[in-house]
Protein backbone atom coordinates (compact mmCIF):
# COMPACT_ATOMS: atom_id res chain seq x y z
CA MET A 1 0.00 0.00 0.00
CA PHE A 2 3.04 2.30 0.31
CA GLN A 3 6.55 2.46 -1.14
CA ALA A 4 9.51 4.76 -0.67
CA GLN A 5 11.69 4.38 -3.75
CA ASN A 6 15.36 5.38 -3.59
CA ILE A 7 14.76 8.63 -1.74
CA SER A 8 17.61 10.91 -0.71
CA LYS A 9 17.80 14.14 1.28
CA ARG A 10 20.68 16.36 2.28
CA PHE A 11 21.20 19.84 3.72
CA GLY A 12 24.45 21.26 2.38
CA ASP A 13 27.18 18.76 3.29
CA LEU A 14 24.94 16.88 5.72
CA VAL A 15 23.47 13.74 4.15
CA LEU A 16 20.41 12.65 6.14
CA PHE A 17 19.65 9.57 4.03
CA GLU A 18 20.54 8.35 0.58
CA ASP A 19 18.98 5.80 -1.80
CA LEU A 20 16.47 4.77 0.90
CA SER A 21 13.80 2.25 -0.13
CA PHE A 22 11.18 0.37 1.86
CA SER A 23 7.52 -0.59 1.70
CA ILE A 24 4.61 -0.91 4.12
CA GLU A 25 1.97 -3.59 3.69
CA ARG A 26 -1.54 -3.70 5.12
CA GLY A 27 -1.50 -4.22 8.87
CA ASP A 28 2.24 -3.55 9.26
CA LYS A 29 3.26 -1.75 12.44
CA VAL A 30 6.68 -0.17 11.81
CA GLY A 31 8.85 1.73 14.27
CA LEU A 32 11.51 4.20 13.13
CA ILE A 33 14.07 4.72 15.89
CA ALA A 34 17.07 7.05 15.68
CA ARG A 35 18.91 9.70 17.64
CA ASN A 36 17.81 13.34 17.54
CA GLY A 37 18.95 15.26 14.47
CA GLU A 38 19.32 12.24 12.20
CA GLY A 39 16.41 13.15 9.93
CA LYS A 40 13.40 11.25 11.31
CA THR A 41 11.00 14.19 11.06
CA THR A 42 12.38 15.21 7.65
CA LEU A 43 11.76 11.67 6.43
CA MET A 44 8.20 11.72 7.78
CA ASN A 45 7.53 15.04 6.07
CA ILE A 46 8.74 13.57 2.77
CA LEU A 47 6.68 10.41 3.19
CA THR A 48 3.53 12.45 3.89
CA GLY A 49 4.08 14.97 1.10
CA THR A 50 4.84 18.05 3.20
CA ASP A 51 8.45 18.04 1.97
CA THR A 52 10.13 16.75 -1.17
CA PRO A 53 13.17 14.49 -1.51
CA ASP A 54 16.26 15.49 -3.47
CA ALA A 55 15.87 12.24 -5.39
CA GLY A 56 13.51 9.29 -5.47
CA ALA A 57 9.75 9.03 -5.05
CA VAL A 58 6.99 8.07 -2.62
CA VAL A 59 4.17 5.97 -4.08
CA MET A 60 0.88 5.21 -2.36
CA GLU A 61 -2.03 3.00 -3.29
CA ASN A 62 -4.78 4.99 -5.05
CA GLY A 63 -7.56 6.22 -2.78
CA ILE A 64 -5.86 5.23 0.45
CA ARG A 65 -6.88 7.16 3.59
CA VAL A 66 -3.78 8.62 5.25
CA ALA A 67 -3.42 10.55 8.51
CA TYR A 68 -0.30 12.23 9.88
CA LEU A 69 0.56 13.42 13.37
CA PRO A 70 3.43 15.90 12.92
CA GLN A 71 5.93 16.56 15.67
CA THR A 72 4.71 20.15 16.08
CA PRO A 73 1.05 20.44 15.04
CA ARG A 74 -0.57 23.76 14.15
CA MET A 75 -4.18 24.68 14.75
CA GLU A 76 -6.52 27.46 13.74
CA ALA A 77 -6.58 30.23 16.33
CA GLY A 78 -9.82 30.47 18.26
CA SER A 79 -10.87 26.86 17.67
CA THR A 80 -12.22 24.90 20.60
CA VAL A 81 -10.63 21.59 21.58
CA LEU A 82 -13.53 19.66 20.04
CA ARG A 83 -13.58 21.79 16.87
CA ALA A 84 -9.81 21.36 16.41
CA CYS A 85 -10.23 17.60 16.68
CA PHE A 86 -12.38 17.76 13.53
CA GLY A 87 -9.62 19.29 11.46
CA THR A 88 -8.76 16.30 9.31
CA GLY A 89 -10.55 17.54 6.18
CA ASP A 90 -12.71 14.55 5.28
CA ALA A 91 -16.39 15.04 4.49
CA LEU A 92 -17.81 13.84 7.79
CA THR A 93 -15.48 15.81 10.03
CA ASP A 94 -16.04 18.90 7.86
CA LEU A 95 -19.80 18.46 8.36
CA ILE A 96 -19.40 18.25 12.14
CA ALA A 97 -17.09 21.27 12.09
CA ARG A 98 -19.72 23.27 10.18
CA TRP A 99 -22.32 22.19 12.74
CA HIS A 100 -20.13 23.43 15.61
CA ASP A 101 -19.34 26.67 13.82
CA ALA A 102 -23.07 27.30 13.34
CA THR A 103 -23.72 26.41 16.98
CA GLU A 104 -21.12 28.90 18.18
CA ARG A 105 -22.70 31.61 15.97
CA ALA A 106 -26.24 30.59 17.08
CA ASP A 107 -27.11 30.40 13.37
CA ASP A 108 -30.48 28.63 13.57
CA ALA A 109 -31.03 28.66 9.81
CA GLU A 110 -27.71 26.91 9.16
CA LEU A 111 -28.36 24.42 11.97
CA ALA A 112 -31.75 23.55 10.47
CA ARG A 113 -30.13 23.08 7.06
CA LEU A 114 -27.37 20.83 8.45
CA LEU A 115 -29.54 18.73 10.78
CA PRO A 116 -30.84 16.25 8.16
CA GLU A 117 -27.31 15.67 6.88
CA MET A 118 -26.01 15.19 10.43
CA ASP A 119 -28.67 12.51 10.94
CA ALA A 120 -28.07 10.85 7.57
CA GLN A 121 -24.28 10.67 8.08
CA ALA A 122 -24.55 9.38 11.69
CA ALA A 123 -22.45 12.37 12.66
CA TRP A 124 -23.62 12.20 16.29
CA GLU A 125 -21.90 8.83 16.75
CA HIS A 126 -18.75 10.20 15.13
CA GLU A 127 -18.76 13.14 17.53
CA GLN A 128 -19.29 10.85 20.50
CA ARG A 129 -16.27 8.82 19.40
CA ALA A 130 -14.22 12.04 19.30
CA ARG A 131 -15.31 12.91 22.83
CA GLU A 132 -14.31 9.45 24.05
CA ILE A 133 -10.86 9.63 22.40
CA LEU A 134 -10.21 13.15 23.74
CA THR A 135 -11.22 12.04 27.23
CA GLN A 136 -8.84 9.06 27.03
CA LEU A 137 -6.12 11.57 26.12
CA HIS A 138 -6.94 13.56 29.30
CA LEU A 139 -8.66 16.41 27.41
CA THR A 140 -11.93 16.89 29.26
CA ASP A 141 -12.81 20.59 28.79
CA LEU A 142 -13.69 20.46 25.12
CA THR A 143 -14.99 24.05 24.99
CA ARG A 144 -11.58 25.59 25.76
CA THR A 145 -9.92 27.40 22.87
CA VAL A 146 -6.56 26.18 21.62
CA ASP A 147 -4.97 29.63 21.91
CA ASN A 148 -3.60 29.18 25.43
CA LEU A 149 -3.02 25.44 25.48
CA SER A 150 0.37 23.90 26.10
CA GLY A 151 2.36 22.18 23.37
CA GLY A 152 1.52 18.83 24.96
CA GLU A 153 -2.21 19.56 24.89
CA LEU A 154 -2.04 20.63 21.24
CA LYS A 155 -0.17 17.41 20.41
CA ARG A 156 -2.88 15.33 22.08
CA ILE A 157 -5.62 17.14 20.14
CA ALA A 158 -3.72 16.48 16.91
CA LEU A 159 -3.33 12.83 17.89
CA ALA A 160 -7.09 12.57 18.47
CA SER A 161 -7.68 14.20 15.09
CA ALA A 162 -5.42 11.69 13.34
CA LEU A 163 -7.19 8.76 15.02
CA MET A 164 -10.61 10.23 14.16
CA ALA A 165 -9.70 10.24 10.47
CA SER A 166 -10.06 6.42 10.42
CA PRO A 167 -6.91 6.09 8.30
CA GLN A 168 -5.75 2.96 6.54
CA LEU A 169 -2.16 4.25 6.83
CA LEU A 170 -1.14 6.28 9.87
CA PHE A 171 2.09 8.25 10.35
CA LEU A 172 2.90 9.27 13.94
CA ASP A 173 5.90 11.47 14.73
CA GLU A 174 6.82 11.18 18.42
CA PRO A 175 3.24 10.51 19.56
CA THR A 176 4.14 9.63 23.14
CA ASN A 177 5.80 12.96 23.95
CA HIS A 178 3.76 14.67 26.71
CA LEU A 179 1.68 11.53 27.36
CA ASP A 180 1.27 9.96 30.80
CA LEU A 181 1.96 6.23 31.13
CA ASP A 182 -1.73 5.29 31.30
CA VAL A 183 -2.41 7.25 28.11
CA ILE A 184 0.53 5.57 26.35
CA GLU A 185 -0.85 2.19 27.37
CA TRP A 186 -4.32 3.15 26.09
CA LEU A 187 -2.83 4.32 22.76
CA GLU A 188 -0.82 1.11 22.41
CA THR A 189 -3.94 -1.00 22.94
CA TYR A 190 -6.00 1.18 20.60
CA LEU A 191 -3.48 0.88 17.77
CA GLN A 192 -3.11 -2.87 18.25
CA ARG A 193 -6.86 -3.29 17.79
CA GLN A 194 -7.08 -1.19 14.62
CA ASN A 195 -6.65 -2.80 11.22
CA ILE A 196 -4.32 -0.10 9.98
CA ALA A 197 -0.75 0.17 8.79
CA LEU A 198 1.39 2.33 11.06
CA LEU A 199 4.74 4.08 10.82
CA LEU A 200 5.75 5.48 14.20
CA VAL A 201 8.77 7.64 14.91
CA THR A 202 10.26 7.50 18.38
């Protein structure tokens, strides 16, 4: 479902990796372990399309659902914790985000227009799943805005968002930073139970 083909990346005289090839099959759980500064995050950015290699190519199966937890996630200013969790860009999470935006604006006409679609798409169950994941990640006040949250809290929201995307291929860059042991254990169990391919940097 995924191939890195002979990719290379360097910064000036520093060669991070050269002629690197590997593949990920369905259900694979792959760990990428290296010291700081050796190019793990650069590699992840190339694999997920947010950076380009100097040579080589990344090939993915057509239509595959991919989610990426970057090392330093960014979120829209003013978003609530719950709204930020629905930032993955697929149709269902966009629908729920529009519902929450209309709720915050008290836009009754928009709410009435969206209600049938929310029912038809079973969006309420999707939102309940988001609340459960956020709670497991020790994020309980879902009405707080992201503006004054710590880096660890933002990372946990981004992790919840990646999990909510129901990916077939999941890239996680240092997901356990800022997580308590019980949360790490929950995440480990969650990922073991999901039928997804995983590339995890640690």
